[in-house]
PDB file of N, CA and C in Angstrom:
ATOM      1  N   UNK A   1     -23.712  10.764 -20.730  1.00  0.00           N
ATOM      2  CA  UNK A   1     -23.181  10.449 -19.432  1.00  0.00           C
ATOM      3  C   UNK A   1     -24.101   9.445 -18.752  1.00  0.00           C
ATOM      4  N   UNK A   2     -23.511   8.421 -18.187  1.00  0.00           N
ATOM      5  CA  UNK A   2     -24.266   7.375 -17.510  1.00  0.00           C
ATOM      6  C   UNK A   2     -24.745   7.879 -16.156  1.00  0.00           C
ATOM      7  N   UNK A   3     -26.003   7.637 -15.857  1.00  0.00           N
ATOM      8  CA  UNK A   3     -26.528   8.068 -14.563  1.00  0.00           C
ATOM      9  C   UNK A   3     -26.237   6.998 -13.520  1.00  0.00           C
ATOM     10  N   UNK A   4     -26.033   7.443 -12.317  1.00  0.00           N
ATOM     11  CA  UNK A   4     -25.776   6.540 -11.204  1.00  0.00           C
ATOM     12  C   UNK A   4     -27.071   6.361 -10.446  1.00  0.00           C
ATOM     13  N   UNK A   5     -27.425   5.114 -10.228  1.00  0.00           N
ATOM     14  CA  UNK A   5     -28.663   4.796  -9.535  1.00  0.00           C
ATOM     15  C   UNK A   5     -28.453   4.930  -8.022  1.00  0.00           C
ATOM     16  N   UNK A   6     -29.232   5.784  -7.387  1.00  0.00           N
ATOM     17  CA  UNK A   6     -29.113   5.998  -5.954  1.00  0.00           C
ATOM     18  C   UNK A   6     -30.214   5.221  -5.229  1.00  0.00           C
ATOM     19  N   UNK A   7     -29.850   4.045  -4.747  1.00  0.00           N
ATOM     20  CA  UNK A   7     -30.763   3.217  -3.969  1.00  0.00           C
ATOM     21  C   UNK A   7     -29.919   2.281  -3.123  1.00  0.00           C
ATOM     22  N   UNK A   8     -30.477   1.748  -2.088  1.00  0.00           N
ATOM     23  CA  UNK A   8     -29.703   0.802  -1.280  1.00  0.00           C
ATOM     24  C   UNK A   8     -29.346  -0.432  -2.106  1.00  0.00           C
ATOM     25  N   UNK A   9     -28.114  -0.878  -1.980  1.00  0.00           N
ATOM     26  CA  UNK A   9     -27.651  -2.046  -2.719  1.00  0.00           C
ATOM     27  C   UNK A   9     -27.482  -3.221  -1.767  1.00  0.00           C
ATOM     28  N   UNK A  10     -27.739  -4.397  -2.303  1.00  0.00           N
ATOM     29  CA  UNK A  10     -27.449  -5.592  -1.516  1.00  0.00           C
ATOM     30  C   UNK A  10     -25.934  -5.798  -1.521  1.00  0.00           C
ATOM     31  N   UNK A  11     -25.461  -6.666  -0.669  1.00  0.00           N
ATOM     32  CA  UNK A  11     -24.023  -6.920  -0.596  1.00  0.00           C
ATOM     33  C   UNK A  11     -23.492  -7.446  -1.924  1.00  0.00           C
ATOM     34  N   UNK A  12     -24.234  -8.318  -2.567  1.00  0.00           N
ATOM     35  CA  UNK A  12     -23.806  -8.861  -3.853  1.00  0.00           C
ATOM     36  C   UNK A  12     -23.702  -7.793  -4.926  1.00  0.00           C
ATOM     37  N   UNK A  13     -24.690  -6.888  -4.971  1.00  0.00           N
ATOM     38  CA  UNK A  13     -24.654  -5.797  -5.950  1.00  0.00           C
ATOM     39  C   UNK A  13     -23.502  -4.846  -5.675  1.00  0.00           C
ATOM     40  N   UNK A  14     -23.276  -4.560  -4.413  1.00  0.00           N
ATOM     41  CA  UNK A  14     -22.177  -3.672  -4.038  1.00  0.00           C
ATOM     42  C   UNK A  14     -20.831  -4.261  -4.440  1.00  0.00           C
ATOM     43  N   UNK A  15     -20.612  -5.528  -4.137  1.00  0.00           N
ATOM     44  CA  UNK A  15     -19.356  -6.184  -4.512  1.00  0.00           C
ATOM     45  C   UNK A  15     -19.215  -6.285  -6.025  1.00  0.00           C
ATOM     46  N   UNK A  16     -20.304  -6.570  -6.727  1.00  0.00           N
ATOM     47  CA  UNK A  16     -20.251  -6.686  -8.179  1.00  0.00           C
ATOM     48  C   UNK A  16     -19.860  -5.353  -8.813  1.00  0.00           C
ATOM     49  N   UNK A  17     -20.448  -4.261  -8.353  1.00  0.00           N
ATOM     50  CA  UNK A  17     -20.102  -2.955  -8.907  1.00  0.00           C
ATOM     51  C   UNK A  17     -18.673  -2.566  -8.564  1.00  0.00           C
ATOM     52  N   UNK A  18     -18.249  -2.884  -7.364  1.00  0.00           N
ATOM     53  CA  UNK A  18     -16.877  -2.557  -6.968  1.00  0.00           C
ATOM     54  C   UNK A  18     -15.875  -3.323  -7.810  1.00  0.00           C
ATOM     55  N   UNK A  19     -16.058  -4.624  -7.943  1.00  0.00           N
ATOM     56  CA  UNK A  19     -15.115  -5.427  -8.731  1.00  0.00           C
ATOM     57  C   UNK A  19     -15.155  -5.059 -10.205  1.00  0.00           C
ATOM     58  N   UNK A  20     -16.330  -4.707 -10.723  1.00  0.00           N
ATOM     59  CA  UNK A  20     -16.415  -4.278 -12.124  1.00  0.00           C
ATOM     60  C   UNK A  20     -15.641  -2.983 -12.342  1.00  0.00           C
ATOM     61  N   UNK A  21     -15.794  -2.046 -11.406  1.00  0.00           N
ATOM     62  CA  UNK A  21     -15.073  -0.773 -11.510  1.00  0.00           C
ATOM     63  C   UNK A  21     -13.567  -0.990 -11.483  1.00  0.00           C
ATOM     64  N   UNK A  22     -13.096  -1.805 -10.551  1.00  0.00           N
ATOM     65  CA  UNK A  22     -11.659  -2.045 -10.444  1.00  0.00           C
ATOM     66  C   UNK A  22     -11.140  -2.892 -11.603  1.00  0.00           C
ATOM     67  N   UNK A  23     -11.951  -3.787 -12.141  1.00  0.00           N
ATOM     68  CA  UNK A  23     -11.510  -4.600 -13.273  1.00  0.00           C
ATOM     69  C   UNK A  23     -11.381  -3.751 -14.538  1.00  0.00           C
ATOM     70  N   UNK A  24     -12.336  -2.840 -14.755  1.00  0.00           N
ATOM     71  CA  UNK A  24     -12.275  -1.985 -15.945  1.00  0.00           C
ATOM     72  C   UNK A  24     -11.120  -0.995 -15.888  1.00  0.00           C
ATOM     73  N   UNK A  25     -10.700  -0.614 -14.704  1.00  0.00           N
ATOM     74  CA  UNK A  25      -9.635   0.386 -14.539  1.00  0.00           C
ATOM     75  C   UNK A  25      -8.465  -0.191 -13.755  1.00  0.00           C
ATOM     76  N   UNK A  26      -8.129  -1.437 -14.028  1.00  0.00           N
ATOM     77  CA  UNK A  26      -7.123  -2.150 -13.234  1.00  0.00           C
ATOM     78  C   UNK A  26      -5.782  -1.432 -13.224  1.00  0.00           C
ATOM     79  N   UNK A  27      -5.285  -1.014 -14.385  1.00  0.00           N
ATOM     80  CA  UNK A  27      -3.943  -0.427 -14.458  1.00  0.00           C
ATOM     81  C   UNK A  27      -3.859   0.921 -13.753  1.00  0.00           C
ATOM     82  N   UNK A  28      -4.953   1.653 -13.712  1.00  0.00           N
ATOM     83  CA  UNK A  28      -4.950   2.923 -12.981  1.00  0.00           C
ATOM     84  C   UNK A  28      -4.777   2.653 -11.488  1.00  0.00           C
ATOM     85  N   UNK A  29      -5.576   1.739 -10.954  1.00  0.00           N
ATOM     86  CA  UNK A  29      -5.502   1.458  -9.523  1.00  0.00           C
ATOM     87  C   UNK A  29      -4.218   0.719  -9.152  1.00  0.00           C
ATOM     88  N   UNK A  30      -3.730  -0.128 -10.036  1.00  0.00           N
ATOM     89  CA  UNK A  30      -2.445  -0.794  -9.777  1.00  0.00           C
ATOM     90  C   UNK A  30      -1.316   0.233  -9.772  1.00  0.00           C
ATOM     91  N   UNK A  31      -1.368   1.210 -10.670  1.00  0.00           N
ATOM     92  CA  UNK A  31      -0.354   2.259 -10.699  1.00  0.00           C
ATOM     93  C   UNK A  31      -0.396   3.144  -9.475  1.00  0.00           C
ATOM     94  N   UNK A  32      -1.601   3.432  -8.994  1.00  0.00           N
ATOM     95  CA  UNK A  32      -1.731   4.266  -7.800  1.00  0.00           C
ATOM     96  C   UNK A  32      -1.146   3.555  -6.586  1.00  0.00           C
ATOM     97  N   UNK A  33      -1.419   2.282  -6.435  1.00  0.00           N
ATOM     98  CA  UNK A  33      -0.955   1.547  -5.255  1.00  0.00           C
ATOM     99  C   UNK A  33       0.451   0.974  -5.418  1.00  0.00           C
ATOM    100  N   UNK A  34       1.082   1.189  -6.562  1.00  0.00           N
ATOM    101  CA  UNK A  34       2.444   0.683  -6.768  1.00  0.00           C
ATOM    102  C   UNK A  34       3.453   1.406  -5.884  1.00  0.00           C
ATOM    103  N   UNK A  35       3.275   2.697  -5.672  1.00  0.00           N
ATOM    104  CA  UNK A  35       4.225   3.468  -4.867  1.00  0.00           C
ATOM    105  C   UNK A  35       4.332   2.951  -3.432  1.00  0.00           C
ATOM    106  N   UNK A  36       3.226   2.793  -2.694  1.00  0.00           N
ATOM    107  CA  UNK A  36       3.396   2.255  -1.344  1.00  0.00           C
ATOM    108  C   UNK A  36       3.877   0.805  -1.338  1.00  0.00           C
ATOM    109  N   UNK A  37       3.513   0.049  -2.342  1.00  0.00           N
ATOM    110  CA  UNK A  37       3.940  -1.348  -2.385  1.00  0.00           C
ATOM    111  C   UNK A  37       5.438  -1.479  -2.639  1.00  0.00           C
ATOM    112  N   UNK A  38       5.982  -0.619  -3.490  1.00  0.00           N
ATOM    113  CA  UNK A  38       7.413  -0.670  -3.797  1.00  0.00           C
ATOM    114  C   UNK A  38       8.248  -0.307  -2.570  1.00  0.00           C
ATOM    115  N   UNK A  39       7.728   0.559  -1.717  1.00  0.00           N
ATOM    116  CA  UNK A  39       8.475   0.953  -0.526  1.00  0.00           C
ATOM    117  C   UNK A  39       8.648  -0.185   0.475  1.00  0.00           C
ATOM    118  N   UNK A  40       7.755  -1.146   0.457  1.00  0.00           N
ATOM    119  CA  UNK A  40       7.850  -2.240   1.421  1.00  0.00           C
ATOM    120  C   UNK A  40       8.872  -3.294   1.027  1.00  0.00           C
ATOM    121  N   UNK A  41       9.297  -3.339  -0.221  1.00  0.00           N
ATOM    122  CA  UNK A  41      10.206  -4.397  -0.685  1.00  0.00           C
ATOM    123  C   UNK A  41      11.548  -4.358   0.039  1.00  0.00           C
ATOM    124  N   UNK A  42      12.261  -3.223   0.126  1.00  0.00           N
ATOM    125  CA  UNK A  42      13.540  -3.254   0.833  1.00  0.00           C
ATOM    126  C   UNK A  42      13.406  -3.568   2.324  1.00  0.00           C
ATOM    127  N   UNK A  43      12.358  -3.067   2.950  1.00  0.00           N
ATOM    128  CA  UNK A  43      12.172  -3.331   4.378  1.00  0.00           C
ATOM    129  C   UNK A  43      11.895  -4.810   4.612  1.00  0.00           C
ATOM    130  N   UNK A  44      11.040  -5.396   3.783  1.00  0.00           N
ATOM    131  CA  UNK A  44      10.756  -6.828   3.922  1.00  0.00           C
ATOM    132  C   UNK A  44      11.991  -7.665   3.645  1.00  0.00           C
ATOM    133  N   UNK A  45      12.784  -7.296   2.651  1.00  0.00           N
ATOM    134  CA  UNK A  45      14.010  -8.040   2.356  1.00  0.00           C
ATOM    135  C   UNK A  45      14.977  -7.983   3.537  1.00  0.00           C
ATOM    136  N   UNK A  46      15.092  -6.813   4.169  1.00  0.00           N
ATOM    137  CA  UNK A  46      15.962  -6.687   5.328  1.00  0.00           C
ATOM    138  C   UNK A  46      15.459  -7.542   6.488  1.00  0.00           C
ATOM    139  N   UNK A  47      14.163  -7.465   6.757  1.00  0.00           N
ATOM    140  CA  UNK A  47      13.605  -8.226   7.876  1.00  0.00           C
ATOM    141  C   UNK A  47      13.738  -9.731   7.651  1.00  0.00           C
ATOM    142  N   UNK A  48      13.491 -10.185   6.438  1.00  0.00           N
ATOM    143  CA  UNK A  48      13.669 -11.613   6.146  1.00  0.00           C
ATOM    144  C   UNK A  48      15.128 -12.014   6.254  1.00  0.00           C
ATOM    145  N   UNK A  49      16.029 -11.118   5.859  1.00  0.00           N
ATOM    146  CA  UNK A  49      17.456 -11.402   5.980  1.00  0.00           C
ATOM    147  C   UNK A  49      17.890 -11.538   7.426  1.00  0.00           C
ATOM    148  N   UNK A  50      17.388 -10.660   8.280  1.00  0.00           N
ATOM    149  CA  UNK A  50      17.719 -10.737   9.702  1.00  0.00           C
ATOM    150  C   UNK A  50      17.150 -12.019  10.305  1.00  0.00           C
ATOM    151  N   UNK A  51      15.915 -12.323   9.971  1.00  0.00           N
ATOM    152  CA  UNK A  51      15.311 -13.539  10.502  1.00  0.00           C
ATOM    153  C   UNK A  51      16.027 -14.784   9.977  1.00  0.00           C
ATOM    154  N   UNK A  52      16.396 -14.765   8.706  1.00  0.00           N
ATOM    155  CA  UNK A  52      17.100 -15.907   8.127  1.00  0.00           C
ATOM    156  C   UNK A  52      18.466 -16.105   8.737  1.00  0.00           C
ATOM    157  N   UNK A  53      19.182 -15.007   9.019  1.00  0.00           N
ATOM    158  CA  UNK A  53      20.509 -15.152   9.620  1.00  0.00           C
ATOM    159  C   UNK A  53      20.398 -15.694  11.031  1.00  0.00           C
ATOM    160  N   UNK A  54      19.329 -15.370  11.729  1.00  0.00           N
ATOM    161  CA  UNK A  54      19.133 -15.929  13.067  1.00  0.00           C
ATOM    162  C   UNK A  54      18.834 -17.416  12.992  1.00  0.00           C
ATOM    163  N   UNK A  55      18.071 -17.821  11.994  1.00  0.00           N
ATOM    164  CA  UNK A  55      17.728 -19.238  11.853  1.00  0.00           C
ATOM    165  C   UNK A  55      18.932 -20.059  11.395  1.00  0.00           C
ATOM    166  N   UNK A  56      19.714 -19.528  10.460  1.00  0.00           N
ATOM    167  CA  UNK A  56      20.870 -20.259   9.947  1.00  0.00           C
ATOM    168  C   UNK A  56      21.983 -20.376  10.972  1.00  0.00           C
ATOM    169  N   UNK A  57      22.042 -19.441  11.909  1.00  0.00           N
ATOM    170  CA  UNK A  57      23.097 -19.481  12.914  1.00  0.00           C
ATOM    171  C   UNK A  57      22.926 -20.647  13.868  1.00  0.00           C
ATOM    172  N   UNK A  58      21.740 -21.206  13.930  1.00  0.00           N
ATOM    173  CA  UNK A  58      21.479 -22.328  14.834  1.00  0.00           C
ATOM    174  C   UNK A  58      21.861 -23.663  14.205  1.00  0.00           C
ATOM    175  N   UNK A  59      22.359 -23.653  12.969  1.00  0.00           N
ATOM    176  CA  UNK A  59      22.730 -24.916  12.326  1.00  0.00           C
ATOM    177  C   UNK A  59      24.013 -25.467  12.955  1.00  0.00           C
ATOM    178  N   UNK A  60      24.241 -26.780  12.840  1.00  0.00           N
ATOM    179  CA  UNK A  60      25.435 -27.394  13.452  1.00  0.00           C
ATOM    180  C   UNK A  60      26.724 -26.797  12.898  1.00  0.00           C
ATOM    181  N   UNK A  61      27.688 -26.603  13.775  1.00  0.00           N
ATOM    182  CA  UNK A  61      28.987 -26.082  13.365  1.00  0.00           C
ATOM    183  C   UNK A  61      29.074 -24.575  13.403  1.00  0.00           C
ATOM    184  N   UNK A  62      28.003 -23.897  13.682  1.00  0.00           N
ATOM    185  CA  UNK A  62      28.015 -22.435  13.745  1.00  0.00           C
ATOM    186  C   UNK A  62      27.739 -22.004  15.180  1.00  0.00           C
ATOM    187  N   UNK A  63      28.354 -20.927  15.601  1.00  0.00           N
ATOM    188  CA  UNK A  63      28.044 -20.433  16.951  1.00  0.00           C
ATOM    189  C   UNK A  63      26.640 -19.821  16.965  1.00  0.00           C
ATOM    190  N   UNK A  64      25.954 -19.897  18.084  1.00  0.00           N
ATOM    191  CA  UNK A  64      24.609 -19.314  18.142  1.00  0.00           C
ATOM    192  C   UNK A  64      24.673 -17.792  18.015  1.00  0.00           C
ATOM    193  N   UNK A  65      23.693 -17.265  17.327  1.00  0.00           N
ATOM    194  CA  UNK A  65      23.613 -15.818  17.099  1.00  0.00           C
ATOM    195  C   UNK A  65      22.605 -15.229  18.070  1.00  0.00           C
ATOM    196  N   UNK A  66      23.049 -14.328  18.877  1.00  0.00           N
ATOM    197  CA  UNK A  66      22.140 -13.621  19.773  1.00  0.00           C
ATOM    198  C   UNK A  66      22.252 -12.139  19.483  1.00  0.00           C
ATOM    199  N   UNK A  67      21.141 -11.530  19.093  1.00  0.00           N
ATOM    200  CA  UNK A  67      21.185 -10.093  18.801  1.00  0.00           C
ATOM    201  C   UNK A  67      21.386  -9.289  20.078  1.00  0.00           C
ATOM    202  N   UNK A  68      22.123  -8.225  19.954  1.00  0.00           N
ATOM    203  CA  UNK A  68      22.361  -7.351  21.098  1.00  0.00           C
ATOM    204  C   UNK A  68      21.135  -6.467  21.321  1.00  0.00           C
ATOM    205  N   UNK A  69      20.963  -5.960  22.521  1.00  0.00           N
ATOM    206  CA  UNK A  69      19.835  -5.049  22.760  1.00  0.00           C
ATOM    207  C   UNK A  69      19.894  -3.798  21.886  1.00  0.00           C
ATOM    208  N   UNK A  70      21.091  -3.305  21.610  1.00  0.00           N
ATOM    209  CA  UNK A  70      21.220  -2.145  20.727  1.00  0.00           C
ATOM    210  C   UNK A  70      20.755  -2.449  19.315  1.00  0.00           C
ATOM    211  N   UNK A  71      21.099  -3.648  18.857  1.00  0.00           N
ATOM    212  CA  UNK A  71      20.672  -4.055  17.513  1.00  0.00           C
ATOM    213  C   UNK A  71      19.152  -4.183  17.449  1.00  0.00           C
ATOM    214  N   UNK A  72      18.569  -4.804  18.456  1.00  0.00           N
ATOM    215  CA  UNK A  72      17.116  -4.964  18.474  1.00  0.00           C
ATOM    216  C   UNK A  72      16.420  -3.602  18.599  1.00  0.00           C
ATOM    217  N   UNK A  73      16.986  -2.705  19.413  1.00  0.00           N
ATOM    218  CA  UNK A  73      16.412  -1.367  19.539  1.00  0.00           C
ATOM    219  C   UNK A  73      16.503  -0.583  18.245  1.00  0.00           C
ATOM    220  N   UNK A  74      17.634  -0.728  17.542  1.00  0.00           N
ATOM    221  CA  UNK A  74      17.788  -0.048  16.256  1.00  0.00           C
ATOM    222  C   UNK A  74      16.805  -0.563  15.219  1.00  0.00           C
ATOM    223  N   UNK A  75      16.617  -1.872  15.192  1.00  0.00           N
ATOM    224  CA  UNK A  75      15.646  -2.452  14.250  1.00  0.00           C
ATOM    225  C   UNK A  75      14.240  -1.975  14.598  1.00  0.00           C
ATOM    226  N   UNK A  76      13.919  -1.963  15.891  1.00  0.00           N
ATOM    227  CA  UNK A  76      12.593  -1.522  16.312  1.00  0.00           C
ATOM    228  C   UNK A  76      12.356  -0.063  15.946  1.00  0.00           C
ATOM    229  N   UNK A  77      13.304   0.812  16.244  1.00  0.00           N
ATOM    230  CA  UNK A  77      13.134   2.226  15.913  1.00  0.00           C
ATOM    231  C   UNK A  77      13.087   2.462  14.407  1.00  0.00           C
ATOM    232  N   UNK A  78      13.915   1.722  13.659  1.00  0.00           N
ATOM    233  CA  UNK A  78      13.876   1.843  12.208  1.00  0.00           C
ATOM    234  C   UNK A  78      12.548   1.395  11.635  1.00  0.00           C
ATOM    235  N   UNK A  79      12.015   0.310  12.172  1.00  0.00           N
ATOM    236  CA  UNK A  79      10.729  -0.178  11.693  1.00  0.00           C
ATOM    237  C   UNK A  79       9.605   0.778  12.085  1.00  0.00           C
ATOM    238  N   UNK A  80       9.705   1.389  13.263  1.00  0.00           N
ATOM    239  CA  UNK A  80       8.714   2.370  13.687  1.00  0.00           C
ATOM    240  C   UNK A  80       8.736   3.595  12.768  1.00  0.00           C
ATOM    241  N   UNK A  81       9.924   4.064  12.422  1.00  0.00           N
ATOM    242  CA  UNK A  81      10.052   5.179  11.484  1.00  0.00           C
ATOM    243  C   UNK A  81       9.478   4.808  10.123  1.00  0.00           C
ATOM    244  N   UNK A  82       9.780   3.603   9.668  1.00  0.00           N
ATOM    245  CA  UNK A  82       9.230   3.140   8.392  1.00  0.00           C
ATOM    246  C   UNK A  82       7.713   3.090   8.437  1.00  0.00           C
ATOM    247  N   UNK A  83       7.144   2.642   9.556  1.00  0.00           N
ATOM    248  CA  UNK A  83       5.686   2.543   9.662  1.00  0.00           C
ATOM    249  C   UNK A  83       5.038   3.917   9.557  1.00  0.00           C
ATOM    250  N   UNK A  84       5.649   4.937  10.136  1.00  0.00           N
ATOM    251  CA  UNK A  84       5.100   6.293  10.043  1.00  0.00           C
ATOM    252  C   UNK A  84       5.178   6.800   8.605  1.00  0.00           C
ATOM    253  N   UNK A  85       6.315   6.590   7.960  1.00  0.00           N
ATOM    254  CA  UNK A  85       6.475   7.026   6.561  1.00  0.00           C
ATOM    255  C   UNK A  85       5.522   6.265   5.652  1.00  0.00           C
ATOM    256  N   UNK A  86       5.448   4.941   5.848  1.00  0.00           N
ATOM    257  CA  UNK A  86       4.569   4.125   5.014  1.00  0.00           C
ATOM    258  C   UNK A  86       3.107   4.513   5.218  1.00  0.00           C
ATOM    259  N   UNK A  87       2.714   4.768   6.472  1.00  0.00           N
ATOM    260  CA  UNK A  87       1.331   5.174   6.730  1.00  0.00           C
ATOM    261  C   UNK A  87       0.979   6.471   6.037  1.00  0.00           C
ATOM    262  N   UNK A  88       1.905   7.407   6.010  1.00  0.00           N
ATOM    263  CA  UNK A  88       1.664   8.674   5.329  1.00  0.00           C
ATOM    264  C   UNK A  88       1.525   8.475   3.824  1.00  0.00           C
ATOM    265  N   UNK A  89       2.415   7.707   3.247  1.00  0.00           N
ATOM    266  CA  UNK A  89       2.362   7.475   1.799  1.00  0.00           C
ATOM    267  C   UNK A  89       1.136   6.654   1.426  1.00  0.00           C
ATOM    268  N   UNK A  90       0.760   5.715   2.281  1.00  0.00           N
ATOM    269  CA  UNK A  90      -0.433   4.912   2.017  1.00  0.00           C
ATOM    270  C   UNK A  90      -1.691   5.786   2.072  1.00  0.00           C
ATOM    271  N   UNK A  91      -1.736   6.728   3.007  1.00  0.00           N
ATOM    272  CA  UNK A  91      -2.881   7.643   3.084  1.00  0.00           C
ATOM    273  C   UNK A  91      -2.982   8.492   1.817  1.00  0.00           C
ATOM    274  N   UNK A  92      -1.854   8.941   1.308  1.00  0.00           N
ATOM    275  CA  UNK A  92      -1.846   9.712   0.062  1.00  0.00           C
ATOM    276  C   UNK A  92      -2.344   8.843  -1.099  1.00  0.00           C
ATOM    277  N   UNK A  93      -1.891   7.588  -1.148  1.00  0.00           N
ATOM    278  CA  UNK A  93      -2.323   6.685  -2.216  1.00  0.00           C
ATOM    279  C   UNK A  93      -3.826   6.393  -2.130  1.00  0.00           C
ATOM    280  N   UNK A  94      -4.344   6.256  -0.931  1.00  0.00           N
ATOM    281  CA  UNK A  94      -5.786   6.024  -0.789  1.00  0.00           C
ATOM    282  C   UNK A  94      -6.585   7.250  -1.225  1.00  0.00           C
ATOM    283  N   UNK A  95      -6.059   8.433  -0.961  1.00  0.00           N
ATOM    284  CA  UNK A  95      -6.706   9.643  -1.453  1.00  0.00           C
ATOM    285  C   UNK A  95      -6.712   9.694  -2.973  1.00  0.00           C
ATOM    286  N   UNK A  96      -5.593   9.293  -3.578  1.00  0.00           N
ATOM    287  CA  UNK A  96      -5.529   9.256  -5.044  1.00  0.00           C
ATOM    288  C   UNK A  96      -6.490   8.214  -5.609  1.00  0.00           C
ATOM    289  N   UNK A  97      -6.621   7.073  -4.941  1.00  0.00           N
ATOM    290  CA  UNK A  97      -7.568   6.047  -5.396  1.00  0.00           C
ATOM    291  C   UNK A  97      -9.005   6.555  -5.287  1.00  0.00           C
ATOM    292  N   UNK A  98      -9.296   7.300  -4.243  1.00  0.00           N
ATOM    293  CA  UNK A  98     -10.633   7.879  -4.093  1.00  0.00           C
ATOM    294  C   UNK A  98     -10.918   8.878  -5.203  1.00  0.00           C
ATOM    295  N   UNK A  99      -9.924   9.686  -5.553  1.00  0.00           N
ATOM    296  CA  UNK A  99     -10.094  10.627  -6.670  1.00  0.00           C
ATOM    297  C   UNK A  99     -10.302   9.883  -7.982  1.00  0.00           C
ATOM    298  N   UNK A 100      -9.593   8.772  -8.163  1.00  0.00           N
ATOM    299  CA  UNK A 100      -9.756   7.988  -9.394  1.00  0.00           C
ATOM    300  C   UNK A 100     -11.158   7.391  -9.470  1.00  0.00           C
ATOM    301  N   UNK A 101     -11.675   6.897  -8.355  1.00  0.00           N
ATOM    302  CA  UNK A 101     -13.038   6.348  -8.350  1.00  0.00           C
ATOM    303  C   UNK A 101     -14.042   7.447  -8.682  1.00  0.00           C
ATOM    304  N   UNK A 102     -13.860   8.626  -8.104  1.00  0.00           N
ATOM    305  CA  UNK A 102     -14.801   9.715  -8.404  1.00  0.00           C
ATOM    306  C   UNK A 102     -14.701  10.135  -9.866  1.00  0.00           C
ATOM    307  N   UNK A 103     -13.494  10.139 -10.424  1.00  0.00           N
ATOM    308  CA  UNK A 103     -13.349  10.464 -11.849  1.00  0.00           C
ATOM    309  C   UNK A 103     -14.090   9.459 -12.718  1.00  0.00           C
ATOM    310  N   UNK A 104     -13.972   8.186 -12.389  1.00  0.00           N
ATOM    311  CA  UNK A 104     -14.653   7.159 -13.180  1.00  0.00           C
ATOM    312  C   UNK A 104     -16.167   7.337 -13.084  1.00  0.00           C
ATOM    313  N   UNK A 105     -16.678   7.573 -11.883  1.00  0.00           N
ATOM    314  CA  UNK A 105     -18.125   7.758 -11.727  1.00  0.00           C
ATOM    315  C   UNK A 105     -18.631   9.024 -12.382  1.00  0.00           C
ATOM    316  N   UNK A 106     -17.782  10.051 -12.483  1.00  0.00           N
ATOM    317  CA  UNK A 106     -18.195  11.291 -13.140  1.00  0.00           C
ATOM    318  C   UNK A 106     -17.961  11.270 -14.644  1.00  0.00           C
ATOM    319  N   UNK A 107     -17.423  10.167 -15.166  1.00  0.00           N
ATOM    320  CA  UNK A 107     -17.243  10.025 -16.603  1.00  0.00           C
ATOM    321  C   UNK A 107     -15.979  10.666 -17.138  1.00  0.00           C
ATOM    322  N   UNK A 108     -15.062  11.045 -16.256  1.00  0.00           N
ATOM    323  CA  UNK A 108     -13.791  11.626 -16.694  1.00  0.00           C
ATOM    324  C   UNK A 108     -12.749  10.522 -16.804  1.00  0.00           C
ATOM    325  N   UNK A 109     -11.706  10.808 -17.559  1.00  0.00           N
ATOM    326  CA  UNK A 109     -10.617   9.833 -17.701  1.00  0.00           C
ATOM    327  C   UNK A 109      -9.796   9.814 -16.415  1.00  0.00           C
ATOM    328  N   UNK A 110      -9.664   8.652 -15.827  1.00  0.00           N
ATOM    329  CA  UNK A 110      -8.892   8.507 -14.597  1.00  0.00           C
ATOM    330  C   UNK A 110      -7.475   8.096 -14.950  1.00  0.00           C
ATOM    331  N   UNK A 111      -6.495   8.854 -14.460  1.00  0.00           N
ATOM    332  CA  UNK A 111      -5.093   8.517 -14.673  1.00  0.00           C
ATOM    333  C   UNK A 111      -4.372   8.547 -13.335  1.00  0.00           C
ATOM    334  N   UNK A 112      -3.234   7.875 -13.278  1.00  0.00           N
ATOM    335  CA  UNK A 112      -2.438   7.843 -12.059  1.00  0.00           C
ATOM    336  C   UNK A 112      -1.937   9.250 -11.740  1.00  0.00           C
ATOM    337  N   UNK A 113      -1.360   9.907 -12.727  1.00  0.00           N
ATOM    338  CA  UNK A 113      -0.818  11.246 -12.527  1.00  0.00           C
ATOM    339  C   UNK A 113      -1.914  12.237 -12.152  1.00  0.00           C
ATOM    340  N   UNK A 114      -3.040  12.155 -12.809  1.00  0.00           N
ATOM    341  CA  UNK A 114      -4.147  13.054 -12.501  1.00  0.00           C
ATOM    342  C   UNK A 114      -4.699  12.847 -11.102  1.00  0.00           C
ATOM    343  N   UNK A 115      -4.758  11.592 -10.675  1.00  0.00           N
ATOM    344  CA  UNK A 115      -5.275  11.294  -9.341  1.00  0.00           C
ATOM    345  C   UNK A 115      -4.334  11.803  -8.258  1.00  0.00           C
ATOM    346  N   UNK A 116      -3.035  11.571  -8.425  1.00  0.00           N
ATOM    347  CA  UNK A 116      -2.080  12.104  -7.456  1.00  0.00           C
ATOM    348  C   UNK A 116      -2.022  13.628  -7.523  1.00  0.00           C
ATOM    349  N   UNK A 117      -2.200  14.191  -8.718  1.00  0.00           N
ATOM    350  CA  UNK A 117      -2.182  15.645  -8.865  1.00  0.00           C
ATOM    351  C   UNK A 117      -3.343  16.324  -8.157  1.00  0.00           C
ATOM    352  N   UNK A 118      -4.489  15.669  -8.128  1.00  0.00           N
ATOM    353  CA  UNK A 118      -5.657  16.270  -7.472  1.00  0.00           C
ATOM    354  C   UNK A 118      -5.517  16.324  -5.963  1.00  0.00           C
ATOM    355  N   UNK A 119      -4.697  15.464  -5.376  1.00  0.00           N
ATOM    356  CA  UNK A 119      -4.568  15.489  -3.917  1.00  0.00           C
ATOM    357  C   UNK A 119      -3.325  16.242  -3.462  1.00  0.00           C
ATOM    358  N   UNK A 120      -2.540  16.747  -4.394  1.00  0.00           N
ATOM    359  CA  UNK A 120      -1.330  17.504  -4.019  1.00  0.00           C
ATOM    360  C   UNK A 120      -1.710  18.701  -3.161  1.00  0.00           C
ATOM    361  N   UNK A 121      -1.056  18.857  -2.062  1.00  0.00           N
ATOM    362  CA  UNK A 121      -1.318  19.976  -1.174  1.00  0.00           C
ATOM    363  C   UNK A 121      -2.480  19.776  -0.223  1.00  0.00           C
ATOM    364  N   UNK A 122      -3.096  18.596  -0.222  1.00  0.00           N
ATOM    365  CA  UNK A 122      -4.239  18.351   0.645  1.00  0.00           C
ATOM    366  C   UNK A 122      -3.968  17.288   1.698  1.00  0.00           C
ATOM    367  N   UNK A 123      -2.709  16.940   1.902  1.00  0.00           N
ATOM    368  CA  UNK A 123      -2.407  15.862   2.839  1.00  0.00           C
ATOM    369  C   UNK A 123      -2.738  16.253   4.271  1.00  0.00           C
ATOM    370  N   UNK A 124      -2.308  17.393   4.715  1.00  0.00           N
ATOM    371  CA  UNK A 124      -2.553  17.784   6.107  1.00  0.00           C
ATOM    372  C   UNK A 124      -3.912  18.392   6.237  1.00  0.00           C
TER     373      UNK A 124
END
């Protein structure tokens, strides 16, 4: 088992060790963060679609598009709900990433399933 050196590190040493750890275990960390990243795709597509339809409506020959207050309120509340859900899932993913880092430092095999399994039931 490799021993971990406990001493103050310079910024360069800290960044080098961090990037080396993430480079050696890239697929584990990419798999852990894939879940929160996949959730943002439909929301971003919707938001870009709404913004694009507002921009295209200003082209010649089309009537101007003005969103109603109800529509804007619905988008705002939907985005607020998404932010709460995304924040919760992101916190879970960060906990799984922390477990994966500890597994790597302790010499155990780090897996996506194992990392998420270790934090099950510890969210609240």
